[in-house]
Amino acid sequence: MSMSPTDVASLVDSLNSSLPAGRVLTGEQVDGYEVDGLRPSAVVLPESVDEVSAVLATACRRRAA
């Protein structure tokens, strides 16, 4: 099941508020991250255990893969 554009935007906003600038990629920035022909709505680039924890907590709250 895919997320609606509104849900994706809300998720990206939450991730951006949890991470330093530039760690959440969207739009054309996700080119090259396709897997089996599936293009992600966003790509997250955490650099620490705390950032990974923040990403997972946000994804869990938003029920995002």
Protein backbone atom coordinates (compact mmCIF):
# COMPACT_ATOMS: atom_id res chain seq x y z
CA MET A 1 0.00 0.00 0.00
CA SER A 2 1.43 3.37 -0.96
CA MET A 3 1.13 6.57 1.02
CA SER A 4 -0.89 9.52 -0.24
CA PRO A 5 1.05 12.62 -1.31
CA THR A 6 -0.21 14.37 1.83
CA ASP A 7 1.05 11.54 4.04
CA VAL A 8 4.43 11.56 2.27
CA ALA A 9 4.75 15.32 2.70
CA SER A 10 3.90 15.03 6.39
CA LEU A 11 6.43 12.21 6.84
CA VAL A 12 9.15 14.21 5.08
CA ASP A 13 8.38 17.24 7.27
CA SER A 14 8.69 15.09 10.40
CA LEU A 15 11.96 13.56 9.20
CA ASN A 16 13.36 16.99 8.31
CA SER A 17 12.56 18.24 11.79
CA SER A 18 14.32 15.20 13.33
CA LEU A 19 17.53 15.36 11.31
CA PRO A 20 20.13 17.94 10.33
CA ALA A 21 19.58 19.71 7.01
CA GLY A 22 20.36 17.72 3.89
CA ARG A 23 19.77 14.26 5.37
CA VAL A 24 16.34 13.75 3.76
CA LEU A 25 16.35 13.52 -0.02
CA THR A 26 13.22 13.93 -2.16
CA GLY A 27 12.25 14.60 -5.75
CA GLU A 28 15.08 14.26 -8.26
CA GLN A 29 17.51 13.70 -5.38
CA VAL A 30 16.26 10.12 -5.02
CA ASP A 31 17.25 9.20 -8.58
CA GLY A 32 19.55 6.20 -8.39
CA TYR A 33 17.95 4.77 -5.24
CA GLU A 34 15.42 2.67 -7.15
CA VAL A 35 15.16 -1.01 -6.19
CA ASP A 36 13.50 -3.48 -8.56
CA GLY A 37 11.96 -0.56 -10.43
CA LEU A 38 10.43 1.00 -7.32
CA ARG A 39 11.35 4.63 -6.71
CA PRO A 40 11.23 5.81 -3.09
CA SER A 41 9.36 8.96 -2.13
CA ALA A 42 12.24 9.93 0.14
CA VAL A 43 15.71 8.73 1.06
CA VAL A 44 17.08 9.28 4.56
CA LEU A 45 20.81 9.49 5.28
CA PRO A 46 21.30 9.18 9.06
CA GLU A 47 24.86 9.46 10.35
CA SER A 48 24.57 8.36 13.96
CA VAL A 49 22.76 5.88 16.18
CA ASP A 50 20.58 8.71 17.51
CA GLU A 51 19.62 9.73 13.97
CA VAL A 52 18.76 6.14 13.02
CA SER A 53 16.65 5.93 16.18
CA ALA A 54 14.84 9.16 15.26
CA VAL A 55 14.14 7.89 11.73
CA LEU A 56 12.79 4.56 12.97
CA ALA A 57 10.63 6.23 15.62
CA THR A 58 9.18 8.62 13.04
CA ALA A 59 8.54 5.79 10.56
CA CYS A 60 6.85 3.73 13.27
CA ARG A 61 4.59 6.61 14.34
CA ARG A 62 3.66 7.27 10.70
CA ARG A 63 3.37 3.56 9.85
CA ALA A 64 5.82 4.05 7.00
CA ALA A 65 8.12 1.45 5.51
